[in-house]
């Protein structure tokens, strides 16, 4: 498991001069261990209607990565 979340959080605190600056993380359990992953990544898109046109309203979907977005290490499942 990588420690990129900790490294990035420390860099954010230093760069923004804010002791509370940090990326959002989520926790999950895998093989009796706690896995910390960045979360709150969001994707937005326009849904396609039955008539083939696209909705004016955007739909937001939350994404949790399976690989570290900083170094590429695969997260345990």
PDB file of N, CA and C in Angstrom:
ATOM      1  N   UNK A   1       0.847  -1.180   0.000  1.00  0.00           N
ATOM      2  CA  UNK A   1       0.000   0.000   0.000  1.00  0.00           C
ATOM      3  C   UNK A   1       0.888   1.237   0.000  1.00  0.00           C
ATOM      4  N   UNK A   2       0.542   2.222  -0.787  1.00  0.00           N
ATOM      5  CA  UNK A   2       1.333   3.447  -0.871  1.00  0.00           C
ATOM      6  C   UNK A   2       0.918   4.437   0.221  1.00  0.00           C
ATOM      7  N   UNK A   3       1.710   5.463   0.403  1.00  0.00           N
ATOM      8  CA  UNK A   3       1.378   6.503   1.384  1.00  0.00           C
ATOM      9  C   UNK A   3       1.138   7.854   0.698  1.00  0.00           C
ATOM     10  N   UNK A   4       0.702   7.799  -0.555  1.00  0.00           N
ATOM     11  CA  UNK A   4       0.496   9.019  -1.352  1.00  0.00           C
ATOM     12  C   UNK A   4      -0.499   9.983  -0.714  1.00  0.00           C
ATOM     13  N   UNK A   5      -1.553   9.480  -0.096  1.00  0.00           N
ATOM     14  CA  UNK A   5      -2.553  10.362   0.520  1.00  0.00           C
ATOM     15  C   UNK A   5      -1.886  11.222   1.589  1.00  0.00           C
ATOM     16  N   UNK A   6      -1.054  10.619   2.410  1.00  0.00           N
ATOM     17  CA  UNK A   6      -0.351  11.375   3.455  1.00  0.00           C
ATOM     18  C   UNK A   6       0.603  12.396   2.850  1.00  0.00           C
ATOM     19  N   UNK A   7       1.339  11.985   1.835  1.00  0.00           N
ATOM     20  CA  UNK A   7       2.299  12.880   1.179  1.00  0.00           C
ATOM     21  C   UNK A   7       1.575  14.066   0.533  1.00  0.00           C
ATOM     22  N   UNK A   8       0.494  13.784  -0.173  1.00  0.00           N
ATOM     23  CA  UNK A   8      -0.272  14.852  -0.826  1.00  0.00           C
ATOM     24  C   UNK A   8      -0.889  15.782   0.215  1.00  0.00           C
ATOM     25  N   UNK A   9      -1.439  15.228   1.286  1.00  0.00           N
ATOM     26  CA  UNK A   9      -2.028  16.076   2.330  1.00  0.00           C
ATOM     27  C   UNK A   9      -0.987  17.006   2.951  1.00  0.00           C
ATOM     28  N   UNK A  10       0.209  16.502   3.198  1.00  0.00           N
ATOM     29  CA  UNK A  10       1.270  17.349   3.757  1.00  0.00           C
ATOM     30  C   UNK A  10       1.651  18.458   2.777  1.00  0.00           C
ATOM     31  N   UNK A  11       1.716  18.126   1.496  1.00  0.00           N
ATOM     32  CA  UNK A  11       2.040  19.135   0.475  1.00  0.00           C
ATOM     33  C   UNK A  11       0.945  20.200   0.390  1.00  0.00           C
ATOM     34  N   UNK A  12      -0.307  19.780   0.477  1.00  0.00           N
ATOM     35  CA  UNK A  12      -1.417  20.737   0.438  1.00  0.00           C
ATOM     36  C   UNK A  12      -1.362  21.693   1.626  1.00  0.00           C
ATOM     37  N   UNK A  13      -1.095  21.146   2.801  1.00  0.00           N
ATOM     38  CA  UNK A  13      -1.007  21.977   4.006  1.00  0.00           C
ATOM     39  C   UNK A  13       0.092  23.023   3.864  1.00  0.00           C
ATOM     40  N   UNK A  14       1.228  22.586   3.313  1.00  0.00           N
ATOM     41  CA  UNK A  14       2.357  23.499   3.140  1.00  0.00           C
ATOM     42  C   UNK A  14       2.059  24.534   2.052  1.00  0.00           C
ATOM     43  N   UNK A  15       1.590  24.085   0.896  1.00  0.00           N
ATOM     44  CA  UNK A  15       1.354  24.986  -0.234  1.00  0.00           C
ATOM     45  C   UNK A  15       0.269  26.021   0.037  1.00  0.00           C
ATOM     46  N   UNK A  16      -0.799  25.599   0.744  1.00  0.00           N
ATOM     47  CA  UNK A  16      -1.909  26.508   1.018  1.00  0.00           C
ATOM     48  C   UNK A  16      -1.802  27.175   2.383  1.00  0.00           C
ATOM     49  N   UNK A  17      -0.726  26.852   3.119  1.00  0.00           N
ATOM     50  CA  UNK A  17      -0.510  27.411   4.448  1.00  0.00           C
ATOM     51  C   UNK A  17      -1.752  27.262   5.319  1.00  0.00           C
ATOM     52  N   UNK A  18      -2.310  26.049   5.285  1.00  0.00           N
ATOM     53  CA  UNK A  18      -3.536  25.733   6.022  1.00  0.00           C
ATOM     54  C   UNK A  18      -3.376  24.341   6.626  1.00  0.00           C
ATOM     55  N   UNK A  19      -3.345  24.263   7.944  1.00  0.00           N
ATOM     56  CA  UNK A  19      -3.159  22.977   8.621  1.00  0.00           C
ATOM     57  C   UNK A  19      -4.316  22.010   8.425  1.00  0.00           C
ATOM     58  N   UNK A  20      -5.440  22.494   7.900  1.00  0.00           N
ATOM     59  CA  UNK A  20      -6.601  21.627   7.717  1.00  0.00           C
ATOM     60  C   UNK A  20      -6.834  21.259   6.258  1.00  0.00           C
ATOM     61  N   UNK A  21      -5.963  21.698   5.348  1.00  0.00           N
ATOM     62  CA  UNK A  21      -6.122  21.358   3.928  1.00  0.00           C
ATOM     63  C   UNK A  21      -5.852  19.872   3.732  1.00  0.00           C
ATOM     64  N   UNK A  22      -6.742  19.187   3.037  1.00  0.00           N
ATOM     65  CA  UNK A  22      -6.563  17.756   2.766  1.00  0.00           C
ATOM     66  C   UNK A  22      -7.524  17.302   1.695  1.00  0.00           C
ATOM     67  N   UNK A  23      -7.179  16.198   1.037  1.00  0.00           N
ATOM     68  CA  UNK A  23      -8.088  15.611   0.066  1.00  0.00           C
ATOM     69  C   UNK A  23      -9.091  14.747   0.817  1.00  0.00           C
ATOM     70  N   UNK A  24     -10.260  14.548   0.228  1.00  0.00           N
ATOM     71  CA  UNK A  24     -11.270  13.675   0.840  1.00  0.00           C
ATOM     72  C   UNK A  24     -10.845  12.227   0.660  1.00  0.00           C
ATOM     73  N   UNK A  25     -11.002  11.444   1.710  1.00  0.00           N
ATOM     74  CA  UNK A  25     -10.674  10.014   1.634  1.00  0.00           C
ATOM     75  C   UNK A  25     -11.844   9.192   2.140  1.00  0.00           C
ATOM     76  N   UNK A  26     -11.879   7.965   1.705  1.00  0.00           N
ATOM     77  CA  UNK A  26     -12.867   7.010   2.180  1.00  0.00           C
ATOM     78  C   UNK A  26     -12.133   5.815   2.754  1.00  0.00           C
ATOM     79  N   UNK A  27     -12.804   5.071   3.575  1.00  0.00           N
ATOM     80  CA  UNK A  27     -12.208   3.905   4.210  1.00  0.00           C
ATOM     81  C   UNK A  27     -12.968   2.661   3.776  1.00  0.00           C
ATOM     82  N   UNK A  28     -12.232   1.582   3.562  1.00  0.00           N
ATOM     83  CA  UNK A  28     -12.870   0.301   3.302  1.00  0.00           C
ATOM     84  C   UNK A  28     -12.024  -0.788   3.949  1.00  0.00           C
ATOM     85  N   UNK A  29     -12.655  -1.909   4.210  1.00  0.00           N
ATOM     86  CA  UNK A  29     -11.945  -3.029   4.805  1.00  0.00           C
ATOM     87  C   UNK A  29     -11.644  -4.054   3.727  1.00  0.00           C
ATOM     88  N   UNK A  30     -10.411  -4.545   3.728  1.00  0.00           N
ATOM     89  CA  UNK A  30      -9.988  -5.532   2.750  1.00  0.00           C
ATOM     90  C   UNK A  30      -9.049  -6.515   3.434  1.00  0.00           C
ATOM     91  N   UNK A  31      -9.387  -7.783   3.380  1.00  0.00           N
ATOM     92  CA  UNK A  31      -8.541  -8.824   3.981  1.00  0.00           C
ATOM     93  C   UNK A  31      -8.145  -8.464   5.406  1.00  0.00           C
ATOM     94  N   UNK A  32      -9.110  -8.058   6.210  1.00  0.00           N
ATOM     95  CA  UNK A  32      -8.910  -7.700   7.617  1.00  0.00           C
ATOM     96  C   UNK A  32      -7.981  -6.505   7.827  1.00  0.00           C
ATOM     97  N   UNK A  33      -7.864  -5.636   6.838  1.00  0.00           N
ATOM     98  CA  UNK A  33      -7.072  -4.418   7.008  1.00  0.00           C
ATOM     99  C   UNK A  33      -7.876  -3.218   6.490  1.00  0.00           C
ATOM    100  N   UNK A  34      -7.540  -2.064   7.005  1.00  0.00           N
ATOM    101  CA  UNK A  34      -8.223  -0.833   6.626  1.00  0.00           C
ATOM    102  C   UNK A  34      -7.504  -0.218   5.438  1.00  0.00           C
ATOM    103  N   UNK A  35      -8.247   0.111   4.382  1.00  0.00           N
ATOM    104  CA  UNK A  35      -7.684   0.722   3.186  1.00  0.00           C
ATOM    105  C   UNK A  35      -8.208   2.147   3.091  1.00  0.00           C
ATOM    106  N   UNK A  36      -7.296   3.101   2.927  1.00  0.00           N
ATOM    107  CA  UNK A  36      -7.658   4.511   2.788  1.00  0.00           C
ATOM    108  C   UNK A  36      -7.503   4.883   1.324  1.00  0.00           C
ATOM    109  N   UNK A  37      -8.599   5.374   0.714  1.00  0.00           N
ATOM    110  CA  UNK A  37      -8.591   5.727  -0.705  1.00  0.00           C
ATOM    111  C   UNK A  37      -9.127   7.142  -0.886  1.00  0.00           C
ATOM    112  N   UNK A  38      -8.596   7.875  -1.872  1.00  0.00           N
ATOM    113  CA  UNK A  38      -9.221   9.153  -2.196  1.00  0.00           C
ATOM    114  C   UNK A  38     -10.655   8.892  -2.653  1.00  0.00           C
ATOM    115  N   UNK A  39     -11.562   9.749  -2.274  1.00  0.00           N
ATOM    116  CA  UNK A  39     -12.947   9.589  -2.705  1.00  0.00           C
ATOM    117  C   UNK A  39     -13.517  10.954  -3.043  1.00  0.00           C
ATOM    118  N   UNK A  40     -14.723  10.976  -3.436  1.00  0.00           N
ATOM    119  CA  UNK A  40     -15.356  12.236  -3.766  1.00  0.00           C
ATOM    120  C   UNK A  40     -15.010  12.700  -5.167  1.00  0.00           C
ATOM    121  N   UNK A  41     -14.341  11.828  -5.943  1.00  0.00           N
ATOM    122  CA  UNK A  41     -14.105  12.163  -7.334  1.00  0.00           C
ATOM    123  C   UNK A  41     -15.448  12.074  -8.031  1.00  0.00           C
ATOM    124  N   UNK A  42     -15.763  13.068  -8.815  1.00  0.00           N
ATOM    125  CA  UNK A  42     -17.087  13.093  -9.425  1.00  0.00           C
ATOM    126  C   UNK A  42     -16.984  13.231 -10.938  1.00  0.00           C
ATOM    127  N   UNK A  43     -17.895  12.589 -11.612  1.00  0.00           N
ATOM    128  CA  UNK A  43     -18.016  12.708 -13.049  1.00  0.00           C
ATOM    129  C   UNK A  43     -19.420  13.222 -13.347  1.00  0.00           C
ATOM    130  N   UNK A  44     -19.531  14.116 -14.298  1.00  0.00           N
ATOM    131  CA  UNK A  44     -20.841  14.614 -14.690  1.00  0.00           C
ATOM    132  C   UNK A  44     -21.053  14.331 -16.175  1.00  0.00           C
ATOM    133  N   UNK A  45     -22.280  14.008 -16.504  1.00  0.00           N
ATOM    134  CA  UNK A  45     -22.619  13.773 -17.903  1.00  0.00           C
ATOM    135  C   UNK A  45     -24.092  14.076 -18.131  1.00  0.00           C
ATOM    136  N   UNK A  46     -24.471  14.208 -19.397  1.00  0.00           N
ATOM    137  CA  UNK A  46     -25.866  14.417 -19.776  1.00  0.00           C
ATOM    138  C   UNK A  46     -26.437  13.068 -20.205  1.00  0.00           C
ATOM    139  N   UNK A  47     -27.519  12.646 -19.569  1.00  0.00           N
ATOM    140  CA  UNK A  47     -28.147  11.379 -19.928  1.00  0.00           C
ATOM    141  C   UNK A  47     -28.808  11.498 -21.297  1.00  0.00           C
ATOM    142  N   UNK A  48     -28.751  10.411 -22.039  1.00  0.00           N
ATOM    143  CA  UNK A  48     -29.386  10.354 -23.338  1.00  0.00           C
ATOM    144  C   UNK A  48     -30.836   9.933 -23.142  1.00  0.00           C
ATOM    145  N   UNK A  49     -31.753  10.677 -23.755  1.00  0.00           N
ATOM    146  CA  UNK A  49     -33.184  10.361 -23.653  1.00  0.00           C
ATOM    147  C   UNK A  49     -33.570   9.303 -24.691  1.00  0.00           C
ATOM    148  N   UNK A  50     -34.778   8.766 -24.540  1.00  0.00           N
ATOM    149  CA  UNK A  50     -35.266   7.730 -25.449  1.00  0.00           C
ATOM    150  C   UNK A  50     -35.342   8.217 -26.899  1.00  0.00           C
ATOM    151  N   UNK A  51     -35.557   9.528 -27.081  1.00  0.00           N
ATOM    152  CA  UNK A  51     -35.665  10.056 -28.447  1.00  0.00           C
ATOM    153  C   UNK A  51     -34.294  10.358 -29.071  1.00  0.00           C
ATOM    154  N   UNK A  52     -33.220  10.058 -28.347  1.00  0.00           N
ATOM    155  CA  UNK A  52     -31.875  10.239 -28.878  1.00  0.00           C
ATOM    156  C   UNK A  52     -31.227  11.569 -28.528  1.00  0.00           C
ATOM    157  N   UNK A  53     -32.005  12.500 -27.980  1.00  0.00           N
ATOM    158  CA  UNK A  53     -31.436  13.781 -27.560  1.00  0.00           C
ATOM    159  C   UNK A  53     -30.885  13.645 -26.140  1.00  0.00           C
ATOM    160  N   UNK A  54     -30.162  14.659 -25.725  1.00  0.00           N
ATOM    161  CA  UNK A  54     -29.572  14.623 -24.397  1.00  0.00           C
ATOM    162  C   UNK A  54     -30.304  15.557 -23.447  1.00  0.00           C
ATOM    163  N   UNK A  55     -30.407  15.143 -22.214  1.00  0.00           N
ATOM    164  CA  UNK A  55     -31.044  15.935 -21.173  1.00  0.00           C
ATOM    165  C   UNK A  55     -30.248  17.208 -20.930  1.00  0.00           C
ATOM    166  N   UNK A  56     -30.946  18.287 -20.561  1.00  0.00           N
ATOM    167  CA  UNK A  56     -30.277  19.539 -20.211  1.00  0.00           C
ATOM    168  C   UNK A  56     -29.646  19.437 -18.825  1.00  0.00           C
ATOM    169  N   UNK A  57     -30.184  18.552 -17.994  1.00  0.00           N
ATOM    170  CA  UNK A  57     -29.709  18.392 -16.626  1.00  0.00           C
ATOM    171  C   UNK A  57     -28.525  17.419 -16.597  1.00  0.00           C
ATOM    172  N   UNK A  58     -27.471  17.792 -15.867  1.00  0.00           N
ATOM    173  CA  UNK A  58     -26.317  16.914 -15.724  1.00  0.00           C
ATOM    174  C   UNK A  58     -26.556  15.922 -14.588  1.00  0.00           C
ATOM    175  N   UNK A  59     -26.096  14.700 -14.774  1.00  0.00           N
ATOM    176  CA  UNK A  59     -26.127  13.673 -13.750  1.00  0.00           C
ATOM    177  C   UNK A  59     -24.717  13.550 -13.185  1.00  0.00           C
ATOM    178  N   UNK A  60     -24.604  13.505 -11.867  1.00  0.00           N
ATOM    179  CA  UNK A  60     -23.303  13.389 -11.211  1.00  0.00           C
ATOM    180  C   UNK A  60     -23.150  11.993 -10.625  1.00  0.00           C
ATOM    181  N   UNK A  61     -22.015  11.381 -10.890  1.00  0.00           N
ATOM    182  CA  UNK A  61     -21.707  10.050 -10.380  1.00  0.00           C
ATOM    183  C   UNK A  61     -20.418  10.136  -9.578  1.00  0.00           C
ATOM    184  N   UNK A  62     -20.398   9.551  -8.386  1.00  0.00           N
ATOM    185  CA  UNK A  62     -19.209   9.522  -7.546  1.00  0.00           C
ATOM    186  C   UNK A  62     -18.339   8.344  -7.949  1.00  0.00           C
ATOM    187  N   UNK A  63     -17.032   8.572  -7.992  1.00  0.00           N
ATOM    188  CA  UNK A  63     -16.102   7.537  -8.432  1.00  0.00           C
ATOM    189  C   UNK A  63     -15.080   7.274  -7.329  1.00  0.00           C
ATOM    190  N   UNK A  64     -14.842   6.010  -7.023  1.00  0.00           N
ATOM    191  CA  UNK A  64     -13.783   5.621  -6.094  1.00  0.00           C
ATOM    192  C   UNK A  64     -12.762   4.821  -6.893  1.00  0.00           C
ATOM    193  N   UNK A  65     -11.529   5.309  -6.968  1.00  0.00           N
ATOM    194  CA  UNK A  65     -10.526   4.630  -7.799  1.00  0.00           C
ATOM    195  C   UNK A  65     -10.105   3.277  -7.233  1.00  0.00           C
ATOM    196  N   UNK A  66      -9.686   2.363  -8.128  1.00  0.00           N
ATOM    197  CA  UNK A  66      -9.148   1.072  -7.710  1.00  0.00           C
ATOM    198  C   UNK A  66      -7.620   1.102  -7.718  1.00  0.00           C
ATOM    199  N   UNK A  67      -7.048   2.170  -8.301  1.00  0.00           N
ATOM    200  CA  UNK A  67      -5.610   2.387  -8.308  1.00  0.00           C
ATOM    201  C   UNK A  67      -5.348   3.767  -7.723  1.00  0.00           C
ATOM    202  N   UNK A  68      -4.204   3.955  -7.076  1.00  0.00           N
ATOM    203  CA  UNK A  68      -3.839   5.259  -6.551  1.00  0.00           C
ATOM    204  C   UNK A  68      -3.707   6.232  -7.721  1.00  0.00           C
ATOM    205  N   UNK A  69      -4.413   7.364  -7.698  1.00  0.00           N
ATOM    206  CA  UNK A  69      -4.331   8.313  -8.806  1.00  0.00           C
ATOM    207  C   UNK A  69      -2.990   9.061  -8.852  1.00  0.00           C
ATOM    208  N   UNK A  70      -2.170   8.902  -7.831  1.00  0.00           N
ATOM    209  CA  UNK A  70      -0.896   9.613  -7.770  1.00  0.00           C
ATOM    210  C   UNK A  70       0.284   8.758  -8.220  1.00  0.00           C
ATOM    211  N   UNK A  71       0.312   7.481  -7.832  1.00  0.00           N
ATOM    212  CA  UNK A  71       1.464   6.629  -8.183  1.00  0.00           C
ATOM    213  C   UNK A  71       1.080   5.395  -8.995  1.00  0.00           C
ATOM    214  N   UNK A  72      -0.208   5.065  -9.061  1.00  0.00           N
ATOM    215  CA  UNK A  72      -0.647   3.931  -9.855  1.00  0.00           C
ATOM    216  C   UNK A  72      -0.684   2.592  -9.143  1.00  0.00           C
ATOM    217  N   UNK A  73      -0.370   2.567  -7.858  1.00  0.00           N
ATOM    218  CA  UNK A  73      -0.419   1.328  -7.080  1.00  0.00           C
ATOM    219  C   UNK A  73      -1.851   0.830  -6.969  1.00  0.00           C
ATOM    220  N   UNK A  74      -2.073  -0.457  -7.222  1.00  0.00           N
ATOM    221  CA  UNK A  74      -3.420  -1.031  -7.112  1.00  0.00           C
ATOM    222  C   UNK A  74      -3.813  -1.128  -5.642  1.00  0.00           C
ATOM    223  N   UNK A  75      -5.029  -0.675  -5.331  1.00  0.00           N
ATOM    224  CA  UNK A  75      -5.545  -0.811  -3.970  1.00  0.00           C
ATOM    225  C   UNK A  75      -5.986  -2.240  -3.729  1.00  0.00           C
ATOM    226  N   UNK A  76      -5.828  -2.727  -2.498  1.00  0.00           N
ATOM    227  CA  UNK A  76      -6.312  -4.056  -2.141  1.00  0.00           C
ATOM    228  C   UNK A  76      -7.826  -4.064  -2.242  1.00  0.00           C
ATOM    229  N   UNK A  77      -8.375  -5.188  -2.621  1.00  0.00           N
ATOM    230  CA  UNK A  77      -9.828  -5.292  -2.733  1.00  0.00           C
ATOM    231  C   UNK A  77     -10.420  -6.073  -1.608  1.00  0.00           C
TER     232      UNK A  77
END
